[in-house]
């Protein structure tokens, strides 16, 4: 669902900066791939609240 916002935004920025529209599309695709790869990496986990390491120090 993020692409519904990312593609028009990147196209608008490309047009506003006098870049070709293809550059905006490439930027949207590359940004989406990088974001999805970094969010899906095994080392990244969402942690809410105090972590066990914070509790061990007190």
C-alpha atoms as a PDB file:
ATOM      1  CA  UNK A   1       0.000   0.000   0.000  1.00  0.00           C
ATOM      2  CA  UNK A   2       2.954   2.327   0.468  1.00  0.00           C
ATOM      3  CA  UNK A   3       3.496   2.436  -3.294  1.00  0.00           C
ATOM      4  CA  UNK A   4       0.198   4.318  -3.627  1.00  0.00           C
ATOM      5  CA  UNK A   5       1.898   7.251  -1.933  1.00  0.00           C
ATOM      6  CA  UNK A   6       5.523   6.653  -2.934  1.00  0.00           C
ATOM      7  CA  UNK A   7       5.088   6.543  -6.713  1.00  0.00           C
ATOM      8  CA  UNK A   8       3.126   9.794  -7.142  1.00  0.00           C
ATOM      9  CA  UNK A   9       5.416  11.522  -4.645  1.00  0.00           C
ATOM     10  CA  UNK A  10       8.586  10.427  -6.442  1.00  0.00           C
ATOM     11  CA  UNK A  11       7.094  11.380  -9.812  1.00  0.00           C
ATOM     12  CA  UNK A  12       6.165  14.802  -8.464  1.00  0.00           C
ATOM     13  CA  UNK A  13       9.643  15.363  -7.073  1.00  0.00           C
ATOM     14  CA  UNK A  14      11.187  14.294 -10.388  1.00  0.00           C
ATOM     15  CA  UNK A  15       9.002  16.728 -12.331  1.00  0.00           C
ATOM     16  CA  UNK A  16       9.645  19.548  -9.859  1.00  0.00           C
ATOM     17  CA  UNK A  17      13.407  19.073 -10.095  1.00  0.00           C
ATOM     18  CA  UNK A  18      13.394  18.881 -13.917  1.00  0.00           C
ATOM     19  CA  UNK A  19      14.538  15.252 -13.876  1.00  0.00           C
ATOM     20  CA  UNK A  20      13.106  12.668 -16.265  1.00  0.00           C
ATOM     21  CA  UNK A  21      10.002  10.851 -15.088  1.00  0.00           C
ATOM     22  CA  UNK A  22      11.870   7.555 -15.416  1.00  0.00           C
ATOM     23  CA  UNK A  23      14.248   8.747 -12.700  1.00  0.00           C
ATOM     24  CA  UNK A  24      11.297   9.170 -10.351  1.00  0.00           C
ATOM     25  CA  UNK A  25      10.082   5.666 -11.088  1.00  0.00           C
ATOM     26  CA  UNK A  26      13.543   4.217 -10.558  1.00  0.00           C
ATOM     27  CA  UNK A  27      13.859   6.083  -7.257  1.00  0.00           C
ATOM     28  CA  UNK A  28      10.516   4.693  -6.074  1.00  0.00           C
ATOM     29  CA  UNK A  29      11.458   1.128  -7.003  1.00  0.00           C
ATOM     30  CA  UNK A  30      14.940   1.312  -5.491  1.00  0.00           C
ATOM     31  CA  UNK A  31      13.594   2.886  -2.311  1.00  0.00           C
ATOM     32  CA  UNK A  32      10.934   0.213  -1.985  1.00  0.00           C
ATOM     33  CA  UNK A  33      13.422  -2.615  -2.479  1.00  0.00           C
ATOM     34  CA  UNK A  34      15.898  -1.160   0.010  1.00  0.00           C
ATOM     35  CA  UNK A  35      13.198  -0.549   2.608  1.00  0.00           C
ATOM     36  CA  UNK A  36      11.719  -4.019   2.244  1.00  0.00           C
ATOM     37  CA  UNK A  37      15.136  -5.677   2.458  1.00  0.00           C
ATOM     38  CA  UNK A  38      16.139  -3.755   5.559  1.00  0.00           C
ATOM     39  CA  UNK A  39      12.810  -4.383   7.290  1.00  0.00           C
ATOM     40  CA  UNK A  40      12.961  -8.100   6.566  1.00  0.00           C
ATOM     41  CA  UNK A  41      16.518  -8.653   7.778  1.00  0.00           C
ATOM     42  CA  UNK A  42      16.878 -11.287  10.514  1.00  0.00           C
ATOM     43  CA  UNK A  43      18.574  -8.853  12.885  1.00  0.00           C
ATOM     44  CA  UNK A  44      15.744  -6.329  12.926  1.00  0.00           C
ATOM     45  CA  UNK A  45      12.934  -6.975  15.341  1.00  0.00           C
ATOM     46  CA  UNK A  46      10.309  -4.629  16.685  1.00  0.00           C
ATOM     47  CA  UNK A  47      10.582  -4.219  20.405  1.00  0.00           C
ATOM     48  CA  UNK A  48       7.925  -2.506  22.427  1.00  0.00           C
ATOM     49  CA  UNK A  49       8.459  -1.495  25.996  1.00  0.00           C
ATOM     50  CA  UNK A  50      11.484  -2.253  28.117  1.00  0.00           C
ATOM     51  CA  UNK A  51      13.814  -4.905  26.740  1.00  0.00           C
ATOM     52  CA  UNK A  52      15.133  -7.806  28.834  1.00  0.00           C
ATOM     53  CA  UNK A  53      18.586  -6.185  28.752  1.00  0.00           C
ATOM     54  CA  UNK A  54      17.184  -3.035  30.386  1.00  0.00           C
ATOM     55  CA  UNK A  55      15.634  -5.100  33.168  1.00  0.00           C
ATOM     56  CA  UNK A  56      18.864  -6.987  33.845  1.00  0.00           C
ATOM     57  CA  UNK A  57      20.826  -3.815  34.530  1.00  0.00           C
ATOM     58  CA  UNK A  58      18.613  -2.689  37.412  1.00  0.00           C
END
